[in-house]
N, C-alpha and C. Protein backbone atom coordinates (compact mmCIF):
# COMPACT_ATOMS: atom_id res chain seq x y z
N MET A 1 138.07 62.91 107.08
CA MET A 1 139.45 62.66 107.53
C MET A 1 139.53 61.27 108.12
N PRO A 2 140.41 60.41 107.63
CA PRO A 2 140.57 59.08 108.22
C PRO A 2 141.01 59.18 109.68
N GLY A 3 140.68 58.17 110.46
CA GLY A 3 140.99 58.24 111.87
C GLY A 3 141.43 56.91 112.44
N ALA A 4 141.00 56.67 113.68
CA ALA A 4 141.41 55.47 114.41
C ALA A 4 140.20 54.63 114.75
N VAL A 5 140.37 53.31 114.65
CA VAL A 5 139.34 52.36 115.07
C VAL A 5 139.90 51.58 116.25
N VAL A 6 139.14 51.53 117.33
CA VAL A 6 139.55 50.76 118.51
C VAL A 6 138.55 49.64 118.72
N ILE A 7 139.01 48.41 118.56
CA ILE A 7 138.18 47.22 118.77
C ILE A 7 138.49 46.68 120.17
N GLY A 8 137.46 46.58 120.98
CA GLY A 8 137.68 46.27 122.40
C GLY A 8 137.85 47.57 123.15
N ALA A 9 136.86 48.46 122.98
CA ALA A 9 136.98 49.84 123.45
C ALA A 9 136.39 50.03 124.83
N GLY A 10 136.66 49.09 125.73
CA GLY A 10 136.14 49.19 127.08
C GLY A 10 137.04 49.97 128.01
N PRO A 11 136.68 50.03 129.29
CA PRO A 11 137.52 50.71 130.27
C PRO A 11 138.91 50.09 130.30
N GLY A 12 139.89 50.90 130.56
CA GLY A 12 141.26 50.41 130.57
C GLY A 12 142.00 50.84 129.33
N ILE A 13 142.74 49.93 128.73
CA ILE A 13 143.60 50.27 127.60
C ILE A 13 142.78 50.80 126.42
N GLY A 14 141.68 50.14 126.08
CA GLY A 14 140.89 50.58 124.94
C GLY A 14 140.45 52.02 125.05
N ARG A 15 139.93 52.37 126.20
CA ARG A 15 139.46 53.75 126.41
C ARG A 15 140.61 54.73 126.37
N SER A 16 141.73 54.39 127.00
CA SER A 16 142.88 55.29 127.01
C SER A 16 143.47 55.47 125.62
N VAL A 17 143.51 54.41 124.83
CA VAL A 17 144.02 54.52 123.46
C VAL A 17 143.10 55.42 122.64
N ALA A 18 141.79 55.24 122.79
CA ALA A 18 140.86 56.10 122.05
C ALA A 18 141.06 57.57 122.42
N ARG A 19 141.24 57.84 123.70
CA ARG A 19 141.46 59.22 124.14
C ARG A 19 142.79 59.76 123.61
N ARG A 20 143.81 58.91 123.56
CA ARG A 20 145.13 59.37 123.10
C ARG A 20 145.08 59.76 121.63
N PHE A 21 144.40 58.99 120.81
CA PHE A 21 144.32 59.33 119.40
C PHE A 21 143.37 60.50 119.18
N ALA A 22 142.32 60.60 119.97
CA ALA A 22 141.42 61.75 119.86
C ALA A 22 142.14 63.04 120.24
N GLN A 23 143.04 62.93 121.20
CA GLN A 23 143.83 64.09 121.63
C GLN A 23 144.61 64.69 120.46
N GLN A 24 144.97 63.84 119.50
CA GLN A 24 145.71 64.31 118.32
C GLN A 24 144.78 64.77 117.19
N GLY A 25 143.48 64.76 117.47
CA GLY A 25 142.52 65.27 116.50
C GLY A 25 141.97 64.24 115.53
N LEU A 26 142.26 62.95 115.75
CA LEU A 26 141.77 61.92 114.84
C LEU A 26 140.31 61.57 115.16
N PRO A 27 139.47 61.45 114.15
CA PRO A 27 138.14 60.88 114.38
C PRO A 27 138.28 59.47 114.93
N ILE A 28 137.34 59.07 115.76
CA ILE A 28 137.44 57.80 116.47
C ILE A 28 136.21 56.94 116.18
N ALA A 29 136.45 55.66 115.88
CA ALA A 29 135.39 54.66 115.81
C ALA A 29 135.63 53.65 116.92
N LEU A 30 134.61 53.40 117.71
CA LEU A 30 134.70 52.52 118.86
C LEU A 30 133.88 51.26 118.60
N VAL A 31 134.48 50.11 118.88
CA VAL A 31 133.79 48.83 118.70
C VAL A 31 133.91 48.03 119.99
N ALA A 32 132.78 47.58 120.50
CA ALA A 32 132.75 46.72 121.67
C ALA A 32 131.50 45.86 121.61
N ARG A 33 131.44 44.88 122.49
CA ARG A 33 130.31 43.95 122.45
C ARG A 33 129.01 44.56 122.94
N SER A 34 129.08 45.48 123.91
CA SER A 34 127.85 46.00 124.49
C SER A 34 127.70 47.50 124.25
N PRO A 35 126.46 47.97 124.05
CA PRO A 35 126.23 49.41 123.88
C PRO A 35 126.68 50.21 125.10
N GLU A 36 126.55 49.65 126.28
CA GLU A 36 126.95 50.36 127.50
C GLU A 36 128.45 50.63 127.51
N THR A 37 129.22 49.65 127.08
CA THR A 37 130.67 49.82 127.04
C THR A 37 131.06 50.90 126.05
N VAL A 38 130.47 50.84 124.87
CA VAL A 38 130.78 51.84 123.84
C VAL A 38 130.37 53.23 124.31
N LYS A 39 129.21 53.31 124.94
CA LYS A 39 128.72 54.61 125.41
C LYS A 39 129.69 55.23 126.41
N GLY A 40 130.17 54.42 127.35
CA GLY A 40 131.08 54.95 128.35
C GLY A 40 132.36 55.50 127.75
N THR A 41 132.90 54.79 126.77
CA THR A 41 134.13 55.26 126.13
C THR A 41 133.86 56.47 125.25
N ALA A 42 132.72 56.48 124.56
CA ALA A 42 132.37 57.64 123.73
C ALA A 42 132.26 58.90 124.58
N GLU A 43 131.71 58.78 125.77
CA GLU A 43 131.61 59.93 126.67
C GLU A 43 132.99 60.38 127.13
N ALA A 44 133.90 59.43 127.32
CA ALA A 44 135.26 59.78 127.75
C ALA A 44 136.05 60.47 126.64
N VAL A 45 135.67 60.22 125.40
CA VAL A 45 136.36 60.81 124.25
C VAL A 45 135.75 62.14 123.85
N ALA A 46 134.50 62.37 124.22
CA ALA A 46 133.74 63.51 123.71
C ALA A 46 134.41 64.85 123.98
N SER A 47 135.14 64.96 125.09
CA SER A 47 135.73 66.25 125.45
C SER A 47 136.77 66.74 124.46
N PHE A 48 137.27 65.85 123.59
CA PHE A 48 138.30 66.27 122.63
C PHE A 48 137.68 66.88 121.37
N GLY A 49 136.37 66.79 121.23
CA GLY A 49 135.69 67.47 120.13
C GLY A 49 135.89 66.85 118.77
N VAL A 50 136.28 65.58 118.71
CA VAL A 50 136.46 64.92 117.41
C VAL A 50 135.21 64.09 117.09
N PRO A 51 134.97 63.79 115.81
CA PRO A 51 133.85 62.91 115.48
C PRO A 51 134.06 61.53 116.08
N VAL A 52 132.99 60.97 116.64
CA VAL A 52 133.05 59.64 117.26
C VAL A 52 131.87 58.83 116.75
N VAL A 53 132.14 57.63 116.29
CA VAL A 53 131.09 56.70 115.91
C VAL A 53 131.16 55.50 116.84
N SER A 54 130.01 55.10 117.37
CA SER A 54 129.93 54.00 118.33
C SER A 54 129.28 52.80 117.66
N LEU A 55 129.97 51.66 117.73
CA LEU A 55 129.52 50.45 117.04
C LEU A 55 129.58 49.27 117.98
N THR A 56 128.65 48.35 117.82
CA THR A 56 128.67 47.14 118.65
C THR A 56 128.90 45.92 117.76
N ALA A 57 129.82 45.08 118.20
CA ALA A 57 130.10 43.83 117.50
C ALA A 57 130.92 42.95 118.42
N ASP A 58 130.64 41.67 118.38
CA ASP A 58 131.46 40.69 119.08
C ASP A 58 132.62 40.33 118.15
N SER A 59 133.84 40.40 118.66
CA SER A 59 135.00 40.15 117.80
C SER A 59 135.05 38.73 117.26
N THR A 60 134.28 37.81 117.87
CA THR A 60 134.25 36.43 117.37
C THR A 60 133.18 36.22 116.29
N ASP A 61 132.37 37.24 116.06
CA ASP A 61 131.33 37.18 115.03
C ASP A 61 131.89 37.85 113.77
N GLU A 62 132.38 37.05 112.84
CA GLU A 62 133.07 37.61 111.68
C GLU A 62 132.19 38.57 110.90
N THR A 63 130.94 38.21 110.68
CA THR A 63 130.04 39.07 109.91
C THR A 63 129.83 40.40 110.61
N ALA A 64 129.58 40.36 111.91
CA ALA A 64 129.34 41.59 112.66
C ALA A 64 130.59 42.46 112.74
N LEU A 65 131.75 41.84 112.92
CA LEU A 65 132.99 42.61 113.01
C LEU A 65 133.31 43.28 111.68
N ARG A 66 133.17 42.55 110.60
CA ARG A 66 133.42 43.15 109.29
C ARG A 66 132.42 44.27 109.01
N ALA A 67 131.17 44.10 109.40
CA ALA A 67 130.16 45.14 109.20
C ALA A 67 130.51 46.39 110.00
N ALA A 68 131.00 46.20 111.23
CA ALA A 68 131.39 47.35 112.04
C ALA A 68 132.55 48.10 111.41
N LEU A 69 133.52 47.37 110.88
CA LEU A 69 134.66 48.02 110.22
C LEU A 69 134.21 48.76 108.97
N ASP A 70 133.27 48.19 108.24
CA ASP A 70 132.73 48.89 107.07
C ASP A 70 132.00 50.16 107.49
N ALA A 71 131.25 50.08 108.59
CA ALA A 71 130.53 51.26 109.08
C ALA A 71 131.50 52.35 109.50
N ALA A 72 132.60 51.96 110.15
CA ALA A 72 133.61 52.93 110.56
C ALA A 72 134.22 53.62 109.34
N SER A 73 134.55 52.83 108.32
CA SER A 73 135.11 53.42 107.09
C SER A 73 134.09 54.29 106.39
N GLY A 74 132.81 53.90 106.45
CA GLY A 74 131.77 54.71 105.84
C GLY A 74 131.64 56.07 106.49
N GLU A 75 131.91 56.13 107.79
CA GLU A 75 131.82 57.41 108.52
C GLU A 75 133.05 58.27 108.34
N HIS A 76 134.23 57.67 108.43
CA HIS A 76 135.47 58.45 108.50
C HIS A 76 136.46 58.16 107.38
N GLY A 77 136.15 57.20 106.51
CA GLY A 77 137.11 56.79 105.51
C GLY A 77 137.98 55.64 106.02
N LEU A 78 138.77 55.08 105.12
CA LEU A 78 139.68 54.01 105.51
C LEU A 78 140.55 54.49 106.65
N PRO A 79 140.57 53.76 107.78
CA PRO A 79 141.29 54.27 108.95
C PRO A 79 142.79 54.38 108.75
N ASP A 80 143.37 55.33 109.47
CA ASP A 80 144.83 55.43 109.53
C ASP A 80 145.40 54.33 110.41
N VAL A 81 144.64 53.97 111.45
CA VAL A 81 145.13 53.01 112.42
C VAL A 81 143.96 52.20 112.97
N VAL A 82 144.17 50.91 113.11
CA VAL A 82 143.21 50.03 113.77
C VAL A 82 143.93 49.40 114.96
N VAL A 83 143.31 49.49 116.12
CA VAL A 83 143.85 48.89 117.34
C VAL A 83 142.93 47.74 117.75
N TYR A 84 143.50 46.54 117.84
CA TYR A 84 142.73 45.37 118.29
C TYR A 84 143.08 45.11 119.74
N ASN A 85 142.12 45.37 120.62
CA ASN A 85 142.37 45.30 122.05
C ASN A 85 141.49 44.27 122.76
N ALA A 86 140.73 43.49 122.00
CA ALA A 86 139.84 42.50 122.62
C ALA A 86 140.65 41.31 123.12
N ALA A 87 140.24 40.79 124.28
CA ALA A 87 140.95 39.63 124.85
C ALA A 87 140.09 38.96 125.90
N VAL A 88 140.30 37.67 126.08
CA VAL A 88 139.72 36.92 127.20
C VAL A 88 140.85 36.73 128.21
N ILE A 89 140.71 37.37 129.37
CA ILE A 89 141.74 37.30 130.41
C ILE A 89 141.18 36.47 131.56
N GLN A 90 141.74 35.30 131.73
CA GLN A 90 141.25 34.40 132.77
C GLN A 90 142.39 33.53 133.25
N GLY A 91 142.30 33.13 134.49
CA GLY A 91 143.28 32.22 135.04
C GLY A 91 142.85 30.78 134.82
N ASP A 92 143.73 29.96 134.31
CA ASP A 92 143.42 28.54 134.12
C ASP A 92 144.72 27.75 134.04
N ALA A 93 144.73 26.62 134.72
CA ALA A 93 145.90 25.74 134.76
C ALA A 93 145.82 24.71 133.64
N PRO A 94 146.92 24.04 133.32
CA PRO A 94 146.88 23.01 132.28
C PRO A 94 145.81 21.97 132.58
N GLY A 95 144.96 21.72 131.60
CA GLY A 95 143.91 20.72 131.75
C GLY A 95 142.67 21.17 132.48
N GLN A 96 142.66 22.42 132.95
CA GLN A 96 141.52 22.88 133.73
C GLN A 96 140.31 23.21 132.87
N LEU A 97 140.54 23.79 131.69
CA LEU A 97 139.44 24.19 130.82
C LEU A 97 139.11 23.10 129.81
N PRO A 98 137.84 22.93 129.47
CA PRO A 98 137.50 22.04 128.36
C PRO A 98 137.93 22.67 127.05
N ALA A 99 138.00 21.85 126.02
CA ALA A 99 138.46 22.34 124.72
C ALA A 99 137.61 23.49 124.22
N SER A 100 136.31 23.45 124.48
CA SER A 100 135.43 24.50 123.97
C SER A 100 135.79 25.86 124.55
N ARG A 101 136.19 25.90 125.82
CA ARG A 101 136.57 27.17 126.44
C ARG A 101 137.88 27.68 125.86
N HIS A 102 138.80 26.78 125.57
CA HIS A 102 140.04 27.20 124.92
C HIS A 102 139.76 27.77 123.53
N LEU A 103 138.88 27.13 122.80
CA LEU A 103 138.54 27.62 121.47
C LEU A 103 137.86 28.98 121.54
N ASP A 104 137.01 29.18 122.56
CA ASP A 104 136.36 30.48 122.73
C ASP A 104 137.39 31.58 122.99
N ALA A 105 138.35 31.27 123.85
CA ALA A 105 139.39 32.27 124.16
C ALA A 105 140.25 32.55 122.94
N TRP A 106 140.62 31.50 122.21
CA TRP A 106 141.44 31.67 121.00
C TRP A 106 140.72 32.52 119.96
N ALA A 107 139.40 32.34 119.86
CA ALA A 107 138.62 33.10 118.89
C ALA A 107 138.70 34.60 119.15
N VAL A 108 138.68 34.98 120.43
CA VAL A 108 138.78 36.40 120.78
C VAL A 108 140.22 36.88 120.68
N ASN A 109 141.13 36.14 121.28
CA ASN A 109 142.51 36.62 121.43
C ASN A 109 143.28 36.67 120.12
N VAL A 110 142.96 35.78 119.18
CA VAL A 110 143.76 35.69 117.96
C VAL A 110 142.91 35.83 116.69
N VAL A 111 141.86 35.02 116.58
CA VAL A 111 141.12 34.97 115.31
C VAL A 111 140.42 36.29 115.02
N GLY A 112 139.90 36.95 116.05
CA GLY A 112 139.27 38.25 115.83
C GLY A 112 140.25 39.26 115.26
N ALA A 113 141.48 39.23 115.76
CA ALA A 113 142.50 40.13 115.23
C ALA A 113 142.81 39.82 113.77
N LEU A 114 142.87 38.53 113.44
CA LEU A 114 143.12 38.13 112.05
C LEU A 114 141.98 38.59 111.15
N THR A 115 140.74 38.43 111.61
CA THR A 115 139.59 38.87 110.83
C THR A 115 139.66 40.37 110.55
N ALA A 116 139.94 41.14 111.59
CA ALA A 116 140.01 42.60 111.42
C ALA A 116 141.13 42.99 110.46
N ALA A 117 142.28 42.36 110.63
CA ALA A 117 143.41 42.68 109.74
C ALA A 117 143.12 42.31 108.30
N ALA A 118 142.53 41.14 108.10
CA ALA A 118 142.22 40.71 106.74
C ALA A 118 141.22 41.63 106.08
N HIS A 119 140.41 42.32 106.89
CA HIS A 119 139.38 43.20 106.33
C HIS A 119 139.92 44.58 105.96
N VAL A 120 140.87 45.10 106.74
CA VAL A 120 141.32 46.48 106.50
C VAL A 120 142.73 46.58 105.92
N ALA A 121 143.60 45.64 106.23
CA ALA A 121 145.00 45.77 105.82
C ALA A 121 145.21 45.77 104.31
N PRO A 122 144.46 44.97 103.52
CA PRO A 122 144.67 45.03 102.06
C PRO A 122 144.43 46.42 101.49
N ALA A 123 143.40 47.11 101.98
CA ALA A 123 143.13 48.46 101.50
C ALA A 123 144.20 49.44 101.98
N MET A 124 144.67 49.26 103.20
CA MET A 124 145.80 50.07 103.68
C MET A 124 147.02 49.86 102.79
N ALA A 125 147.27 48.61 102.43
CA ALA A 125 148.42 48.30 101.58
C ALA A 125 148.28 48.96 100.21
N ARG A 126 147.08 48.96 99.66
CA ARG A 126 146.88 49.63 98.36
C ARG A 126 147.10 51.12 98.48
N ARG A 127 146.72 51.69 99.62
CA ARG A 127 146.95 53.12 99.86
C ARG A 127 148.42 53.40 100.11
N GLY A 128 149.12 52.40 100.70
CA GLY A 128 150.54 52.56 100.98
C GLY A 128 150.84 53.06 102.38
N SER A 129 149.84 53.03 103.27
CA SER A 129 150.08 53.49 104.64
C SER A 129 148.99 52.98 105.56
N GLY A 130 149.32 52.93 106.84
CA GLY A 130 148.36 52.51 107.86
C GLY A 130 149.06 51.74 108.95
N SER A 131 148.41 51.66 110.11
CA SER A 131 148.94 50.90 111.24
C SER A 131 147.88 49.93 111.72
N PHE A 132 148.33 48.71 112.02
CA PHE A 132 147.45 47.72 112.64
C PHE A 132 148.16 47.26 113.90
N LEU A 133 147.61 47.64 115.05
CA LEU A 133 148.26 47.42 116.34
C LEU A 133 147.41 46.50 117.21
N ILE A 134 148.06 45.55 117.86
CA ILE A 134 147.36 44.55 118.67
C ILE A 134 147.89 44.61 120.10
N THR A 135 146.97 44.55 121.06
CA THR A 135 147.39 44.47 122.45
C THR A 135 147.85 43.05 122.76
N GLY A 136 149.10 42.93 123.15
CA GLY A 136 149.67 41.64 123.50
C GLY A 136 149.85 41.52 125.00
N GLY A 137 150.54 40.51 125.41
CA GLY A 137 150.81 40.28 126.83
C GLY A 137 151.58 38.98 127.00
N MET A 138 151.80 38.60 128.24
CA MET A 138 152.46 37.34 128.55
C MET A 138 153.78 37.17 127.79
N PRO A 139 154.76 38.03 128.05
CA PRO A 139 156.05 37.85 127.37
C PRO A 139 156.69 36.50 127.65
N GLU A 140 156.33 35.91 128.78
CA GLU A 140 156.75 34.55 129.10
C GLU A 140 155.51 33.75 129.46
N PRO A 141 155.38 32.51 128.97
CA PRO A 141 154.21 31.69 129.33
C PRO A 141 154.15 31.46 130.84
N LYS A 142 152.92 31.42 131.37
CA LYS A 142 152.71 31.14 132.78
C LYS A 142 151.69 30.03 132.92
N ARG A 143 152.02 29.02 133.69
CA ARG A 143 151.14 27.87 133.82
C ARG A 143 149.82 28.21 134.48
N GLU A 144 149.76 29.35 135.18
CA GLU A 144 148.51 29.77 135.81
C GLU A 144 147.56 30.43 134.80
N TYR A 145 148.07 30.74 133.61
CA TYR A 145 147.28 31.42 132.58
C TYR A 145 147.51 30.73 131.24
N VAL A 146 147.02 29.51 131.14
CA VAL A 146 147.31 28.73 129.94
C VAL A 146 146.66 29.33 128.70
N SER A 147 145.35 29.58 128.75
CA SER A 147 144.66 30.08 127.54
C SER A 147 145.19 31.44 127.13
N LEU A 148 145.49 32.30 128.10
CA LEU A 148 146.02 33.62 127.77
C LEU A 148 147.45 33.52 127.23
N SER A 149 148.25 32.65 127.81
CA SER A 149 149.62 32.46 127.31
C SER A 149 149.61 31.98 125.87
N LEU A 150 148.74 31.02 125.58
CA LEU A 150 148.63 30.53 124.20
C LEU A 150 148.15 31.63 123.27
N GLY A 151 147.15 32.39 123.72
CA GLY A 151 146.62 33.45 122.87
C GLY A 151 147.63 34.53 122.57
N LYS A 152 148.37 34.95 123.58
CA LYS A 152 149.33 36.02 123.35
C LYS A 152 150.53 35.54 122.53
N ALA A 153 150.89 34.27 122.65
CA ALA A 153 151.90 33.71 121.74
C ALA A 153 151.37 33.74 120.31
N GLY A 154 150.08 33.45 120.15
CA GLY A 154 149.46 33.52 118.83
C GLY A 154 149.48 34.93 118.27
N VAL A 155 149.24 35.92 119.13
CA VAL A 155 149.28 37.33 118.70
C VAL A 155 150.67 37.67 118.18
N ARG A 156 151.70 37.23 118.90
CA ARG A 156 153.07 37.53 118.50
C ARG A 156 153.36 36.94 117.11
N THR A 157 152.93 35.72 116.89
CA THR A 157 153.11 35.10 115.58
C THR A 157 152.28 35.79 114.52
N LEU A 158 151.06 36.17 114.86
CA LEU A 158 150.20 36.85 113.89
C LEU A 158 150.82 38.17 113.43
N VAL A 159 151.41 38.90 114.35
CA VAL A 159 152.07 40.16 113.97
C VAL A 159 153.16 39.89 112.93
N THR A 160 153.94 38.85 113.14
CA THR A 160 154.99 38.51 112.18
C THR A 160 154.40 38.16 110.82
N LEU A 161 153.35 37.37 110.81
CA LEU A 161 152.73 36.96 109.54
C LEU A 161 152.12 38.14 108.81
N LEU A 162 151.44 39.03 109.54
CA LEU A 162 150.83 40.20 108.91
C LEU A 162 151.89 41.15 108.38
N ASP A 163 152.99 41.28 109.12
CA ASP A 163 154.08 42.12 108.62
C ASP A 163 154.68 41.54 107.34
N GLN A 164 154.82 40.22 107.30
CA GLN A 164 155.33 39.59 106.07
C GLN A 164 154.40 39.85 104.88
N GLU A 165 153.11 39.89 105.15
CA GLU A 165 152.13 40.06 104.08
C GLU A 165 151.97 41.52 103.65
N TYR A 166 151.95 42.44 104.61
CA TYR A 166 151.56 43.82 104.30
C TYR A 166 152.64 44.87 104.60
N GLY A 167 153.67 44.48 105.34
CA GLY A 167 154.67 45.47 105.74
C GLY A 167 155.37 46.15 104.59
N SER A 168 155.71 45.38 103.57
CA SER A 168 156.44 45.97 102.44
C SER A 168 155.59 46.97 101.67
N SER A 169 154.28 46.94 101.88
CA SER A 169 153.37 47.88 101.21
C SER A 169 153.06 49.08 102.07
N GLY A 170 153.71 49.20 103.22
CA GLY A 170 153.56 50.40 104.03
C GLY A 170 152.66 50.28 105.22
N VAL A 171 152.24 49.05 105.55
CA VAL A 171 151.38 48.86 106.72
C VAL A 171 152.24 48.44 107.91
N HIS A 172 152.19 49.24 108.96
CA HIS A 172 152.98 48.97 110.16
C HIS A 172 152.16 48.07 111.08
N VAL A 173 152.59 46.85 111.26
CA VAL A 173 151.92 45.89 112.14
C VAL A 173 152.79 45.70 113.37
N ALA A 174 152.18 45.83 114.55
CA ALA A 174 152.96 45.73 115.78
C ALA A 174 152.05 45.36 116.94
N SER A 175 152.66 44.95 118.04
CA SER A 175 151.91 44.67 119.26
C SER A 175 152.50 45.45 120.42
N VAL A 176 151.65 45.73 121.39
CA VAL A 176 152.07 46.31 122.66
C VAL A 176 151.87 45.23 123.71
N THR A 177 152.96 44.68 124.22
CA THR A 177 152.91 43.61 125.20
C THR A 177 152.90 44.20 126.59
N VAL A 178 151.85 43.93 127.33
CA VAL A 178 151.67 44.48 128.68
C VAL A 178 151.95 43.37 129.69
N ASP A 179 153.01 43.56 130.46
CA ASP A 179 153.48 42.51 131.37
C ASP A 179 153.03 42.77 132.80
N GLY A 180 151.72 42.94 132.98
CA GLY A 180 151.21 43.17 134.32
C GLY A 180 149.75 43.56 134.29
N ALA A 181 149.14 43.63 135.46
CA ALA A 181 147.72 43.98 135.57
C ALA A 181 147.53 45.48 135.39
N VAL A 182 146.65 45.83 134.47
CA VAL A 182 146.41 47.24 134.15
C VAL A 182 145.55 47.88 135.23
N ALA A 183 146.00 49.02 135.76
CA ALA A 183 145.24 49.75 136.77
C ALA A 183 145.74 51.19 136.82
N PRO A 184 144.82 52.15 136.89
CA PRO A 184 145.23 53.56 136.98
C PRO A 184 146.10 53.80 138.21
N GLY A 185 147.07 54.68 138.06
CA GLY A 185 147.91 55.07 139.18
C GLY A 185 148.99 54.08 139.53
N THR A 186 149.17 53.04 138.70
CA THR A 186 150.22 52.06 138.93
C THR A 186 151.24 52.15 137.81
N ALA A 187 152.24 51.26 137.87
CA ALA A 187 153.21 51.19 136.77
C ALA A 187 152.56 50.74 135.48
N PHE A 188 151.35 50.23 135.57
CA PHE A 188 150.62 49.77 134.38
C PHE A 188 149.36 50.62 134.18
N ASP A 189 149.52 51.91 134.36
CA ASP A 189 148.42 52.86 134.13
C ASP A 189 148.05 52.83 132.64
N PRO A 190 146.76 52.68 132.30
CA PRO A 190 146.40 52.59 130.89
C PRO A 190 146.75 53.83 130.08
N ASP A 191 146.76 55.00 130.71
CA ASP A 191 147.14 56.21 129.98
C ASP A 191 148.61 56.16 129.57
N ASP A 192 149.46 55.60 130.43
CA ASP A 192 150.87 55.45 130.08
C ASP A 192 151.04 54.41 128.97
N ILE A 193 150.30 53.32 129.08
CA ILE A 193 150.38 52.27 128.06
C ILE A 193 149.92 52.80 126.70
N ALA A 194 148.92 53.66 126.70
CA ALA A 194 148.39 54.20 125.45
C ALA A 194 149.44 54.97 124.66
N GLU A 195 150.43 55.52 125.36
CA GLU A 195 151.48 56.26 124.66
C GLU A 195 152.23 55.38 123.67
N HIS A 196 152.37 54.09 123.99
CA HIS A 196 153.08 53.19 123.09
C HIS A 196 152.36 53.09 121.74
N TYR A 197 151.05 53.06 121.76
CA TYR A 197 150.29 52.92 120.51
C TYR A 197 150.50 54.15 119.63
N TRP A 198 150.50 55.32 120.24
CA TRP A 198 150.71 56.53 119.46
C TRP A 198 152.13 56.55 118.89
N ARG A 199 153.12 56.16 119.68
CA ARG A 199 154.50 56.15 119.20
C ARG A 199 154.67 55.16 118.03
N LEU A 200 154.06 53.99 118.17
CA LEU A 200 154.16 53.01 117.09
C LEU A 200 153.51 53.55 115.82
N HIS A 201 152.36 54.18 115.96
CA HIS A 201 151.66 54.69 114.79
C HIS A 201 152.44 55.78 114.08
N THR A 202 153.19 56.57 114.83
CA THR A 202 153.89 57.71 114.24
C THR A 202 155.37 57.44 113.96
N GLN A 203 155.84 56.23 114.20
CA GLN A 203 157.24 55.92 113.93
C GLN A 203 157.58 56.04 112.45
N PRO A 204 158.72 56.64 112.11
CA PRO A 204 159.18 56.60 110.72
C PRO A 204 159.39 55.16 110.28
N ARG A 205 159.18 54.91 109.01
CA ARG A 205 159.24 53.54 108.52
C ARG A 205 160.60 52.89 108.76
N ASP A 206 161.66 53.66 108.70
CA ASP A 206 162.98 53.06 108.91
C ASP A 206 163.27 52.76 110.38
N ARG A 207 162.33 53.11 111.27
CA ARG A 207 162.49 52.82 112.70
C ARG A 207 161.34 51.97 113.24
N TRP A 208 160.59 51.35 112.35
CA TRP A 208 159.45 50.55 112.80
C TRP A 208 159.88 49.49 113.81
N GLN A 209 159.12 49.39 114.87
CA GLN A 209 159.23 48.27 115.80
C GLN A 209 157.98 47.40 115.63
N HIS A 210 158.12 46.13 115.94
CA HIS A 210 156.98 45.23 115.81
C HIS A 210 156.48 44.71 117.15
N GLU A 211 157.18 45.05 118.21
CA GLU A 211 156.70 44.76 119.56
C GLU A 211 157.32 45.74 120.53
N VAL A 212 156.48 46.30 121.39
CA VAL A 212 156.92 47.11 122.52
C VAL A 212 156.45 46.41 123.77
N VAL A 213 157.34 46.25 124.74
CA VAL A 213 156.99 45.60 126.00
C VAL A 213 156.89 46.65 127.09
N HIS A 214 155.73 46.75 127.70
CA HIS A 214 155.52 47.65 128.83
C HIS A 214 155.60 46.81 130.10
N SER A 215 156.70 46.97 130.83
CA SER A 215 156.90 46.12 132.00
C SER A 215 157.00 46.89 133.31
N ASP A 216 157.28 48.20 133.22
CA ASP A 216 157.47 48.92 134.48
C ASP A 216 156.96 50.35 134.45
N GLY A 217 156.18 50.68 133.43
CA GLY A 217 155.66 52.02 133.35
C GLY A 217 156.60 53.03 132.75
N ILE A 218 157.81 52.60 132.40
CA ILE A 218 158.79 53.50 131.80
C ILE A 218 159.03 53.08 130.37
N VAL A 219 159.04 54.06 129.45
CA VAL A 219 159.32 53.75 128.07
C VAL A 219 160.77 53.39 127.91
N PRO A 220 161.10 52.15 127.49
CA PRO A 220 162.50 51.75 127.35
C PRO A 220 163.24 52.60 126.33
N ALA A 221 164.54 52.71 126.52
CA ALA A 221 165.37 53.45 125.57
C ALA A 221 165.20 52.88 124.17
N GLY A 222 165.08 53.78 123.20
CA GLY A 222 164.93 53.35 121.81
C GLY A 222 163.50 53.09 121.40
N GLN A 223 162.52 53.26 122.33
CA GLN A 223 161.14 53.02 121.99
C GLN A 223 160.33 54.31 121.98
N ALA A 224 161.01 55.43 122.07
CA ALA A 224 160.30 56.72 122.01
C ALA A 224 160.03 57.09 120.57
């Protein structure tokens, strides 16, 4: 049975998204940079009784990321949904970071998502269905977060480009923009945020949204 792949499956949104899709009975493939991170999320998902495959790959390593996606498909089949949740979240002012640090952040925040989409979306398009969802943020640029603002603007553009390429073939491409610091028990509780991913994945095609903004912990009207 095809399932869900979560790239960036650490504590917080990644773990909550994996649990939300497992709750619906989908097999889960988890991808993160460290075995410890994957193990922690796999244990959090185990109670739902669905098949779970744990994979390690750095999202900036194209070969490793593609291999992890192939391994996930080998275990569960071509996924129904891929969630790209990897990001470099850091505070930096204009001119504070050297170019190499900006390139490192861009590689995680944007290029990794493009690599993952390029690897799975063509097959989803041939099948005629699938969701590719990216965790976004920074609805407005902030000078205190230059690299993150640039990266999340890139994510927003990438969603548009991927929709232009694959949307007409049945692939739902969208982002969940989180406008605040994620923490349990707050307006930005990761379990609440995870609901957006499930809603996007299950939206009828004639109601597809390409961005949902989570700003206050309440699902806005028309986004259910």
